Amino acid sequence: MKKNIGAQLALYPAPVIVVGSMVEGKPNWTLVAHAGTVAHSHLMVSMVSAHYTNKGIRDNKKFSVNVVDESWLKEADRMGVVSGNKEDKSEAFDFTIGENGAPLINAAKISIECEMDHNYELEGFDNFIGKILATYADESILNEAGKIDYHVFKPVLFEFPTYEYFVTGDKVGDCAKMNK
């Protein structure tokens, strides 16, 4: 029997990302676990409106989504503790400016460069809808067909009620083939 546990957000675990934007000519970063797909061409990141990184997204309409794996989790986690409003985070990571102007973290094996299409403000959050302009993937995680191999790349996942990190696990089936 199911028990009503209240109006809780239970869509976890979720991928851990570091969002980057240029703010007053310098990169700034923030840790985010509220992100997802909106369509095949767009994604959404939901961030507290007061974040310093949001200013860069609003001003420049460009941002990056850098997918965290265990190799740089400690550095990524710090971006959720330290505020860009109080401390310069521009040198927190080695980075490259992407083809479309967003800062990309070199340690991230996957970085996605986006252009903000919309911002849906809701209850103190900016919900940025970004059109995917380019996806950069380290060659070490690509399969022979040039696709990201998630048997090799293990993104970190965040679980909200306990504030714990996990990595992806075992394959449990093949999509759209299990009932054939």
N, C-alpha and C. Protein backbone atom coordinates (compact mmCIF):
# COMPACT_ATOMS: atom_id res chain seq x y z
N MET A 1 0.84 -1.18 0.00
CA MET A 1 0.00 0.00 0.00
C MET A 1 0.89 1.24 0.00
N LYS A 2 0.51 2.22 -0.80
CA LYS A 2 1.25 3.48 -0.85
C LYS A 2 0.79 4.41 0.25
N LYS A 3 1.73 5.20 0.76
CA LYS A 3 1.44 6.18 1.80
C LYS A 3 1.65 7.57 1.22
N ASN A 4 0.73 8.48 1.46
CA ASN A 4 0.87 9.88 1.05
C ASN A 4 1.95 10.51 1.92
N ILE A 5 3.05 10.93 1.30
CA ILE A 5 4.15 11.55 2.05
C ILE A 5 4.19 13.06 1.84
N GLY A 6 3.10 13.61 1.33
CA GLY A 6 3.01 15.06 1.14
C GLY A 6 3.40 15.48 -0.26
N ALA A 7 3.38 16.78 -0.47
CA ALA A 7 3.70 17.34 -1.79
C ALA A 7 5.22 17.46 -1.92
N GLN A 8 5.87 16.32 -2.11
CA GLN A 8 7.32 16.28 -2.22
C GLN A 8 7.75 16.05 -3.65
N LEU A 9 8.81 16.73 -4.04
CA LEU A 9 9.42 16.49 -5.35
C LEU A 9 10.18 15.17 -5.26
N ALA A 10 9.77 14.19 -6.03
CA ALA A 10 10.35 12.85 -5.94
C ALA A 10 10.93 12.37 -7.26
N LEU A 11 11.30 13.28 -8.13
CA LEU A 11 11.91 12.90 -9.40
C LEU A 11 13.43 12.85 -9.26
N TYR A 12 13.89 12.00 -8.41
CA TYR A 12 15.32 11.85 -8.16
C TYR A 12 15.67 10.38 -8.25
N PRO A 13 16.94 10.06 -8.50
CA PRO A 13 18.08 10.96 -8.62
C PRO A 13 18.09 11.72 -9.93
N ALA A 14 18.85 12.81 -9.94
CA ALA A 14 18.97 13.68 -11.11
C ALA A 14 20.44 13.92 -11.41
N PRO A 15 20.78 14.15 -12.69
CA PRO A 15 22.18 14.41 -13.02
C PRO A 15 22.69 15.69 -12.37
N VAL A 16 23.94 15.65 -11.94
CA VAL A 16 24.60 16.81 -11.36
C VAL A 16 25.34 17.54 -12.47
N ILE A 17 25.10 18.84 -12.56
CA ILE A 17 25.76 19.65 -13.59
C ILE A 17 26.33 20.91 -12.94
N VAL A 18 27.30 21.49 -13.62
CA VAL A 18 27.77 22.83 -13.27
C VAL A 18 27.41 23.72 -14.44
N VAL A 19 26.62 24.75 -14.16
CA VAL A 19 26.21 25.71 -15.18
C VAL A 19 27.22 26.85 -15.18
N GLY A 20 27.64 27.23 -16.37
CA GLY A 20 28.58 28.33 -16.51
C GLY A 20 28.01 29.44 -17.36
N SER A 21 28.34 30.68 -17.00
CA SER A 21 27.98 31.84 -17.83
C SER A 21 29.05 32.90 -17.65
N MET A 22 29.11 33.79 -18.61
CA MET A 22 30.04 34.91 -18.53
C MET A 22 29.31 36.05 -17.82
N VAL A 23 29.92 36.54 -16.74
CA VAL A 23 29.36 37.64 -15.97
C VAL A 23 30.41 38.74 -15.92
N GLU A 24 30.08 39.87 -16.54
CA GLU A 24 30.99 41.01 -16.58
C GLU A 24 32.37 40.61 -17.09
N GLY A 25 32.38 39.79 -18.15
CA GLY A 25 33.61 39.40 -18.83
C GLY A 25 34.38 38.24 -18.23
N LYS A 26 33.87 37.65 -17.13
CA LYS A 26 34.55 36.53 -16.49
C LYS A 26 33.58 35.37 -16.31
N PRO A 27 34.08 34.13 -16.37
CA PRO A 27 33.18 32.99 -16.16
C PRO A 27 32.76 32.88 -14.71
N ASN A 28 31.55 32.43 -14.51
CA ASN A 28 31.06 32.09 -13.18
C ASN A 28 30.35 30.75 -13.28
N TRP A 29 30.35 30.03 -12.17
CA TRP A 29 29.85 28.66 -12.16
C TRP A 29 28.92 28.43 -10.98
N THR A 30 27.92 27.58 -11.16
CA THR A 30 27.10 27.16 -10.03
C THR A 30 26.67 25.70 -10.22
N LEU A 31 26.59 24.99 -9.12
CA LEU A 31 26.18 23.59 -9.12
C LEU A 31 24.66 23.51 -9.20
N VAL A 32 24.15 22.63 -10.06
CA VAL A 32 22.71 22.51 -10.27
C VAL A 32 22.34 21.02 -10.36
N ALA A 33 21.22 20.67 -9.74
CA ALA A 33 20.70 19.31 -9.90
C ALA A 33 19.26 19.34 -10.40
N HIS A 34 18.72 20.52 -10.63
CA HIS A 34 17.38 20.64 -11.20
C HIS A 34 17.53 20.99 -12.68
N ALA A 35 17.63 19.97 -13.49
CA ALA A 35 17.82 20.16 -14.92
C ALA A 35 17.18 19.00 -15.66
N GLY A 36 16.86 19.23 -16.91
CA GLY A 36 16.28 18.14 -17.69
C GLY A 36 16.01 18.54 -19.12
N THR A 37 15.51 17.59 -19.88
CA THR A 37 15.19 17.84 -21.27
C THR A 37 13.80 18.45 -21.38
N VAL A 38 13.63 19.31 -22.37
CA VAL A 38 12.33 19.92 -22.65
C VAL A 38 11.84 19.42 -24.00
N ALA A 39 12.75 19.24 -24.91
CA ALA A 39 12.49 18.69 -26.24
C ALA A 39 13.83 18.11 -26.70
N HIS A 40 13.88 17.55 -27.88
CA HIS A 40 15.16 17.01 -28.35
C HIS A 40 16.17 18.11 -28.64
N SER A 41 15.71 19.33 -28.78
CA SER A 41 16.60 20.44 -29.13
C SER A 41 16.83 21.42 -27.98
N HIS A 42 16.17 21.22 -26.86
CA HIS A 42 16.25 22.17 -25.74
C HIS A 42 16.41 21.42 -24.41
N LEU A 43 16.96 22.14 -23.44
CA LEU A 43 17.02 21.64 -22.08
C LEU A 43 16.62 22.76 -21.13
N MET A 44 16.43 22.40 -19.87
CA MET A 44 16.05 23.39 -18.87
C MET A 44 16.94 23.24 -17.65
N VAL A 45 17.37 24.39 -17.12
CA VAL A 45 18.05 24.41 -15.83
C VAL A 45 17.24 25.32 -14.93
N SER A 46 16.98 24.85 -13.72
CA SER A 46 16.20 25.59 -12.74
C SER A 46 17.13 26.02 -11.62
N MET A 47 17.25 27.34 -11.43
CA MET A 47 18.23 27.88 -10.51
C MET A 47 17.60 28.98 -9.67
N VAL A 48 17.96 29.04 -8.38
CA VAL A 48 17.49 30.12 -7.51
C VAL A 48 17.83 31.45 -8.19
N SER A 49 16.87 32.35 -8.26
CA SER A 49 17.01 33.60 -9.01
C SER A 49 18.18 34.46 -8.57
N ALA A 50 18.56 34.39 -7.30
CA ALA A 50 19.63 35.25 -6.77
C ALA A 50 21.03 34.80 -7.17
N HIS A 51 21.17 33.62 -7.79
CA HIS A 51 22.51 33.15 -8.17
C HIS A 51 23.19 34.15 -9.11
N TYR A 52 24.47 34.36 -8.88
CA TYR A 52 25.27 35.28 -9.69
C TYR A 52 25.35 34.80 -11.15
N THR A 53 25.43 33.51 -11.35
CA THR A 53 25.49 32.94 -12.70
C THR A 53 24.27 33.35 -13.53
N ASN A 54 23.12 33.47 -12.88
CA ASN A 54 21.89 33.84 -13.59
C ASN A 54 22.01 35.19 -14.28
N LYS A 55 22.74 36.12 -13.65
CA LYS A 55 22.93 37.45 -14.24
C LYS A 55 23.58 37.31 -15.62
N GLY A 56 24.59 36.47 -15.72
CA GLY A 56 25.26 36.27 -17.00
C GLY A 56 24.34 35.65 -18.04
N ILE A 57 23.50 34.72 -17.61
CA ILE A 57 22.56 34.09 -18.54
C ILE A 57 21.54 35.12 -19.02
N ARG A 58 21.01 35.91 -18.10
CA ARG A 58 20.04 36.93 -18.48
C ARG A 58 20.66 37.97 -19.41
N ASP A 59 21.89 38.41 -19.12
CA ASP A 59 22.54 39.47 -19.89
C ASP A 59 23.02 38.99 -21.26
N ASN A 60 23.64 37.79 -21.31
CA ASN A 60 24.29 37.32 -22.54
C ASN A 60 23.49 36.29 -23.31
N LYS A 61 22.49 35.70 -22.68
CA LYS A 61 21.64 34.67 -23.29
C LYS A 61 22.40 33.39 -23.64
N LYS A 62 23.61 33.22 -23.11
CA LYS A 62 24.41 32.02 -23.39
C LYS A 62 24.81 31.38 -22.06
N PHE A 63 24.84 30.05 -22.04
CA PHE A 63 25.31 29.34 -20.86
C PHE A 63 25.78 27.95 -21.25
N SER A 64 26.54 27.35 -20.35
CA SER A 64 27.00 25.98 -20.57
C SER A 64 26.46 25.07 -19.49
N VAL A 65 26.28 23.81 -19.86
CA VAL A 65 25.90 22.75 -18.94
C VAL A 65 27.04 21.75 -18.98
N ASN A 66 27.74 21.60 -17.87
CA ASN A 66 28.90 20.73 -17.77
C ASN A 66 28.54 19.55 -16.87
N VAL A 67 28.51 18.35 -17.45
CA VAL A 67 28.04 17.17 -16.74
C VAL A 67 29.16 16.64 -15.84
N VAL A 68 28.84 16.48 -14.57
CA VAL A 68 29.82 16.09 -13.56
C VAL A 68 29.99 14.57 -13.53
N ASP A 69 31.26 14.13 -13.47
CA ASP A 69 31.55 12.75 -13.14
C ASP A 69 32.41 12.74 -11.88
N GLU A 70 32.72 11.56 -11.40
CA GLU A 70 33.39 11.45 -10.10
C GLU A 70 34.77 12.09 -10.08
N SER A 71 35.42 12.19 -11.25
CA SER A 71 36.79 12.70 -11.30
C SER A 71 36.91 14.16 -10.87
N TRP A 72 35.83 14.94 -10.97
CA TRP A 72 35.89 16.35 -10.54
C TRP A 72 34.70 16.74 -9.65
N LEU A 73 34.11 15.76 -9.00
CA LEU A 73 32.95 16.00 -8.13
C LEU A 73 33.27 16.95 -6.99
N LYS A 74 34.43 16.80 -6.35
CA LYS A 74 34.77 17.66 -5.21
C LYS A 74 34.80 19.13 -5.62
N GLU A 75 35.42 19.42 -6.75
CA GLU A 75 35.49 20.79 -7.24
C GLU A 75 34.11 21.31 -7.64
N ALA A 76 33.31 20.44 -8.25
CA ALA A 76 31.95 20.82 -8.65
C ALA A 76 31.10 21.12 -7.42
N ASP A 77 31.20 20.28 -6.41
CA ASP A 77 30.41 20.46 -5.19
C ASP A 77 30.67 21.83 -4.56
N ARG A 78 31.90 22.29 -4.62
CA ARG A 78 32.24 23.59 -4.04
C ARG A 78 31.45 24.72 -4.71
N MET A 79 31.08 24.55 -5.97
CA MET A 79 30.35 25.60 -6.69
C MET A 79 28.93 25.75 -6.17
N GLY A 80 28.46 24.79 -5.38
CA GLY A 80 27.15 24.90 -4.75
C GLY A 80 27.21 25.45 -3.34
N VAL A 81 28.43 25.66 -2.84
CA VAL A 81 28.63 26.14 -1.47
C VAL A 81 29.08 27.59 -1.47
N VAL A 82 29.88 27.97 -2.45
CA VAL A 82 30.45 29.31 -2.53
C VAL A 82 29.62 30.14 -3.51
N SER A 83 29.27 31.35 -3.11
CA SER A 83 28.46 32.23 -3.95
C SER A 83 29.34 33.16 -4.79
N GLY A 84 29.02 33.25 -6.07
CA GLY A 84 29.70 34.21 -6.94
C GLY A 84 29.39 35.65 -6.57
N ASN A 85 28.32 35.86 -5.81
CA ASN A 85 28.01 37.20 -5.31
C ASN A 85 29.02 37.65 -4.25
N LYS A 86 29.72 36.68 -3.63
CA LYS A 86 30.65 36.99 -2.55
C LYS A 86 32.10 36.67 -2.88
N GLU A 87 32.33 35.77 -3.82
CA GLU A 87 33.68 35.31 -4.14
C GLU A 87 33.83 35.15 -5.65
N ASP A 88 34.97 35.53 -6.18
CA ASP A 88 35.27 35.37 -7.61
C ASP A 88 35.54 33.89 -7.88
N LYS A 89 34.68 33.26 -8.67
CA LYS A 89 34.84 31.84 -8.99
C LYS A 89 35.39 31.63 -10.40
N SER A 90 35.89 32.71 -11.02
CA SER A 90 36.32 32.63 -12.42
C SER A 90 37.50 31.69 -12.62
N GLU A 91 38.31 31.47 -11.61
CA GLU A 91 39.48 30.60 -11.75
C GLU A 91 39.28 29.24 -11.08
N ALA A 92 38.05 28.88 -10.78
CA ALA A 92 37.77 27.60 -10.13
C ALA A 92 38.10 26.42 -11.03
N PHE A 93 38.00 26.60 -12.34
CA PHE A 93 38.25 25.53 -13.31
C PHE A 93 39.09 26.05 -14.45
N ASP A 94 39.89 25.15 -15.05
CA ASP A 94 40.44 25.45 -16.37
C ASP A 94 39.26 25.38 -17.32
N PHE A 95 39.18 26.33 -18.22
CA PHE A 95 38.01 26.39 -19.10
C PHE A 95 38.42 26.85 -20.49
N THR A 96 37.51 26.65 -21.41
CA THR A 96 37.63 27.10 -22.79
C THR A 96 36.33 27.82 -23.12
N ILE A 97 36.42 28.85 -23.93
CA ILE A 97 35.20 29.51 -24.41
C ILE A 97 34.73 28.74 -25.64
N GLY A 98 33.49 28.30 -25.60
CA GLY A 98 32.92 27.54 -26.71
C GLY A 98 32.72 28.38 -27.96
N GLU A 99 32.39 27.73 -29.03
CA GLU A 99 32.19 28.38 -30.32
C GLU A 99 31.11 29.46 -30.27
N ASN A 100 30.21 29.36 -29.30
CA ASN A 100 29.10 30.31 -29.20
C ASN A 100 29.22 31.27 -28.02
N GLY A 101 30.36 31.24 -27.33
CA GLY A 101 30.63 32.23 -26.30
C GLY A 101 30.41 31.81 -24.86
N ALA A 102 30.01 30.57 -24.62
CA ALA A 102 29.79 30.11 -23.24
C ALA A 102 31.07 29.46 -22.70
N PRO A 103 31.35 29.62 -21.41
CA PRO A 103 32.53 28.97 -20.83
C PRO A 103 32.29 27.47 -20.61
N LEU A 104 33.25 26.65 -21.03
CA LEU A 104 33.15 25.19 -20.93
C LEU A 104 34.25 24.68 -20.00
N ILE A 105 33.90 23.87 -19.03
CA ILE A 105 34.88 23.33 -18.08
C ILE A 105 35.67 22.21 -18.76
N ASN A 106 36.99 22.38 -18.79
CA ASN A 106 37.85 21.39 -19.46
C ASN A 106 37.76 20.01 -18.82
N ALA A 107 37.59 19.92 -17.51
CA ALA A 107 37.52 18.62 -16.82
C ALA A 107 36.23 17.86 -17.13
N ALA A 108 35.21 18.55 -17.60
CA ALA A 108 33.93 17.90 -17.90
C ALA A 108 34.06 17.10 -19.19
N LYS A 109 33.69 15.84 -19.14
CA LYS A 109 33.76 15.02 -20.35
C LYS A 109 32.61 15.32 -21.30
N ILE A 110 31.56 15.97 -20.78
CA ILE A 110 30.45 16.45 -21.62
C ILE A 110 30.14 17.88 -21.23
N SER A 111 30.14 18.76 -22.22
CA SER A 111 29.71 20.15 -22.03
C SER A 111 28.73 20.49 -23.14
N ILE A 112 27.66 21.16 -22.76
CA ILE A 112 26.62 21.53 -23.72
C ILE A 112 26.49 23.04 -23.71
N GLU A 113 26.63 23.63 -24.88
CA GLU A 113 26.54 25.08 -25.02
C GLU A 113 25.12 25.44 -25.45
N CYS A 114 24.50 26.38 -24.72
CA CYS A 114 23.09 26.71 -24.94
C CYS A 114 22.88 28.20 -25.11
N GLU A 115 21.78 28.52 -25.78
CA GLU A 115 21.30 29.89 -25.89
C GLU A 115 19.93 29.95 -25.22
N MET A 116 19.76 30.90 -24.31
CA MET A 116 18.49 30.99 -23.59
C MET A 116 17.37 31.42 -24.54
N ASP A 117 16.34 30.59 -24.62
CA ASP A 117 15.14 30.92 -25.39
C ASP A 117 14.10 31.60 -24.51
N HIS A 118 13.94 31.08 -23.30
CA HIS A 118 12.92 31.58 -22.38
C HIS A 118 13.42 31.48 -20.95
N ASN A 119 12.84 32.30 -20.10
CA ASN A 119 13.04 32.17 -18.66
C ASN A 119 11.67 32.19 -18.01
N TYR A 120 11.29 31.07 -17.44
CA TYR A 120 10.02 30.99 -16.72
C TYR A 120 10.33 31.18 -15.24
N GLU A 121 9.96 32.34 -14.72
CA GLU A 121 10.21 32.64 -13.31
C GLU A 121 9.08 32.04 -12.48
N LEU A 122 9.47 31.32 -11.42
CA LEU A 122 8.48 30.64 -10.59
C LEU A 122 9.01 30.50 -9.17
N GLU A 123 8.34 31.11 -8.23
CA GLU A 123 8.62 30.95 -6.80
C GLU A 123 10.10 31.13 -6.46
N GLY A 124 10.71 32.21 -6.95
CA GLY A 124 12.10 32.50 -6.63
C GLY A 124 13.12 31.74 -7.46
N PHE A 125 12.67 31.07 -8.50
CA PHE A 125 13.56 30.32 -9.38
C PHE A 125 13.50 30.87 -10.79
N ASP A 126 14.66 30.92 -11.45
CA ASP A 126 14.74 31.12 -12.89
C ASP A 126 14.78 29.74 -13.52
N ASN A 127 13.88 29.49 -14.43
CA ASN A 127 13.84 28.23 -15.16
C ASN A 127 14.22 28.54 -16.60
N PHE A 128 15.52 28.44 -16.87
CA PHE A 128 16.04 28.81 -18.18
C PHE A 128 15.84 27.67 -19.17
N ILE A 129 15.17 27.96 -20.26
CA ILE A 129 15.02 27.02 -21.36
C ILE A 129 16.09 27.38 -22.37
N GLY A 130 17.00 26.45 -22.62
CA GLY A 130 18.12 26.72 -23.52
C GLY A 130 18.08 25.87 -24.76
N LYS A 131 18.25 26.53 -25.90
CA LYS A 131 18.40 25.81 -27.16
C LYS A 131 19.83 25.28 -27.21
N ILE A 132 19.97 24.00 -27.49
CA ILE A 132 21.29 23.39 -27.57
C ILE A 132 21.96 23.84 -28.86
N LEU A 133 23.10 24.53 -28.71
CA LEU A 133 23.85 25.01 -29.87
C LEU A 133 24.97 24.05 -30.25
N ALA A 134 25.59 23.43 -29.25
CA ALA A 134 26.70 22.50 -29.50
C ALA A 134 26.88 21.61 -28.28
N THR A 135 27.21 20.35 -28.53
CA THR A 135 27.54 19.42 -27.46
C THR A 135 28.96 18.94 -27.71
N TYR A 136 29.80 19.08 -26.69
CA TYR A 136 31.20 18.69 -26.77
C TYR A 136 31.39 17.47 -25.88
N ALA A 137 31.99 16.40 -26.42
CA ALA A 137 32.22 15.18 -25.65
C ALA A 137 33.66 14.73 -25.82
N ASP A 138 34.29 14.38 -24.73
CA ASP A 138 35.64 13.86 -24.75
C ASP A 138 35.65 12.57 -25.57
N GLU A 139 36.64 12.42 -26.44
CA GLU A 139 36.70 11.24 -27.31
C GLU A 139 36.77 9.94 -26.53
N SER A 140 37.27 9.99 -25.30
CA SER A 140 37.42 8.77 -24.49
C SER A 140 36.08 8.14 -24.09
N ILE A 141 35.00 8.89 -24.21
CA ILE A 141 33.68 8.35 -23.82
C ILE A 141 32.78 8.08 -25.02
N LEU A 142 33.32 8.20 -26.23
CA LEU A 142 32.53 7.96 -27.43
C LEU A 142 32.70 6.52 -27.91
N ASN A 143 31.61 5.94 -28.40
CA ASN A 143 31.70 4.60 -28.97
C ASN A 143 32.12 4.70 -30.43
N GLU A 144 32.18 3.57 -31.11
CA GLU A 144 32.63 3.55 -32.51
C GLU A 144 31.72 4.35 -33.43
N ALA A 145 30.45 4.51 -33.06
CA ALA A 145 29.50 5.28 -33.87
C ALA A 145 29.56 6.77 -33.55
N GLY A 146 30.44 7.17 -32.63
CA GLY A 146 30.55 8.59 -32.28
C GLY A 146 29.52 9.05 -31.27
N LYS A 147 28.83 8.13 -30.62
CA LYS A 147 27.82 8.45 -29.61
C LYS A 147 28.42 8.30 -28.21
N ILE A 148 27.85 9.02 -27.25
CA ILE A 148 28.32 8.90 -25.87
C ILE A 148 28.00 7.51 -25.35
N ASP A 149 29.01 6.86 -24.80
CA ASP A 149 28.87 5.51 -24.26
C ASP A 149 28.71 5.60 -22.74
N TYR A 150 27.49 5.41 -22.27
CA TYR A 150 27.21 5.52 -20.84
C TYR A 150 27.63 4.28 -20.05
N HIS A 151 28.19 3.28 -20.74
CA HIS A 151 28.86 2.19 -20.03
C HIS A 151 30.26 2.66 -19.61
N VAL A 152 30.77 3.66 -20.32
CA VAL A 152 32.09 4.23 -20.03
C VAL A 152 31.94 5.49 -19.19
N PHE A 153 31.09 6.40 -19.63
CA PHE A 153 30.89 7.65 -18.90
C PHE A 153 29.84 7.44 -17.82
N LYS A 154 30.20 7.75 -16.60
CA LYS A 154 29.32 7.55 -15.45
C LYS A 154 29.02 8.90 -14.79
N PRO A 155 27.95 9.58 -15.21
CA PRO A 155 27.63 10.86 -14.59
C PRO A 155 27.21 10.69 -13.14
N VAL A 156 27.51 11.70 -12.35
CA VAL A 156 27.10 11.71 -10.94
C VAL A 156 25.63 12.11 -10.87
N LEU A 157 24.91 11.47 -9.98
CA LEU A 157 23.49 11.75 -9.75
C LEU A 157 23.32 12.29 -8.34
N PHE A 158 22.31 13.15 -8.16
CA PHE A 158 22.02 13.76 -6.87
C PHE A 158 20.66 13.28 -6.39
N GLU A 159 20.57 12.96 -5.11
CA GLU A 159 19.32 12.51 -4.51
C GLU A 159 18.93 13.53 -3.45
N PHE A 160 17.79 14.19 -3.66
CA PHE A 160 17.40 15.37 -2.87
C PHE A 160 17.10 15.11 -1.40
N PRO A 161 16.26 14.15 -1.05
CA PRO A 161 15.91 14.04 0.37
C PRO A 161 17.12 13.83 1.30
N THR A 162 18.15 13.11 0.83
CA THR A 162 19.30 12.83 1.69
C THR A 162 20.54 13.66 1.34
N TYR A 163 20.49 14.41 0.24
CA TYR A 163 21.64 15.20 -0.23
C TYR A 163 22.87 14.32 -0.44
N GLU A 164 22.68 13.20 -1.13
CA GLU A 164 23.78 12.29 -1.43
C GLU A 164 24.01 12.23 -2.93
N TYR A 165 25.25 11.89 -3.29
CA TYR A 165 25.64 11.69 -4.68
C TYR A 165 25.77 10.20 -4.98
N PHE A 166 25.41 9.82 -6.20
CA PHE A 166 25.54 8.46 -6.69
C PHE A 166 26.13 8.50 -8.10
N VAL A 167 26.57 7.36 -8.60
CA VAL A 167 26.94 7.26 -10.01
C VAL A 167 25.97 6.29 -10.68
N THR A 168 25.89 6.38 -12.00
CA THR A 168 24.98 5.50 -12.73
C THR A 168 25.42 4.06 -12.55
N GLY A 169 24.48 3.16 -12.73
CA GLY A 169 24.74 1.76 -12.43
C GLY A 169 24.63 0.84 -13.61
N ASP A 170 24.00 -0.28 -13.38
CA ASP A 170 23.94 -1.37 -14.34
C ASP A 170 22.81 -1.19 -15.34
N LYS A 171 23.02 -1.71 -16.53
CA LYS A 171 21.97 -1.76 -17.54
C LYS A 171 20.90 -2.75 -17.07
N VAL A 172 19.63 -2.35 -17.20
CA VAL A 172 18.53 -3.22 -16.77
C VAL A 172 17.57 -3.59 -17.91
N GLY A 173 17.82 -3.07 -19.11
CA GLY A 173 16.96 -3.41 -20.23
C GLY A 173 17.27 -2.56 -21.44
N ASP A 174 16.61 -2.87 -22.54
CA ASP A 174 16.73 -2.12 -23.79
C ASP A 174 15.43 -1.40 -24.07
N CYS A 175 15.48 -0.09 -24.21
CA CYS A 175 14.30 0.74 -24.42
C CYS A 175 13.54 0.30 -25.67
N ALA A 176 12.24 0.19 -25.53
CA ALA A 176 11.31 -0.14 -26.61
C ALA A 176 11.54 -1.54 -27.19
N LYS A 177 12.28 -2.38 -26.49
CA LYS A 177 12.52 -3.75 -26.96
C LYS A 177 12.15 -4.80 -25.92
N MET A 178 11.77 -4.38 -24.75
CA MET A 178 11.54 -5.33 -23.65
C MET A 178 10.26 -6.14 -23.82
N ASN A 179 9.31 -5.66 -24.59
CA ASN A 179 8.03 -6.35 -24.74
C ASN A 179 7.88 -7.05 -26.08
N LYS A 180 8.96 -7.23 -26.77
CA LYS A 180 8.90 -7.91 -28.07
C LYS A 180 9.13 -9.38 -27.91
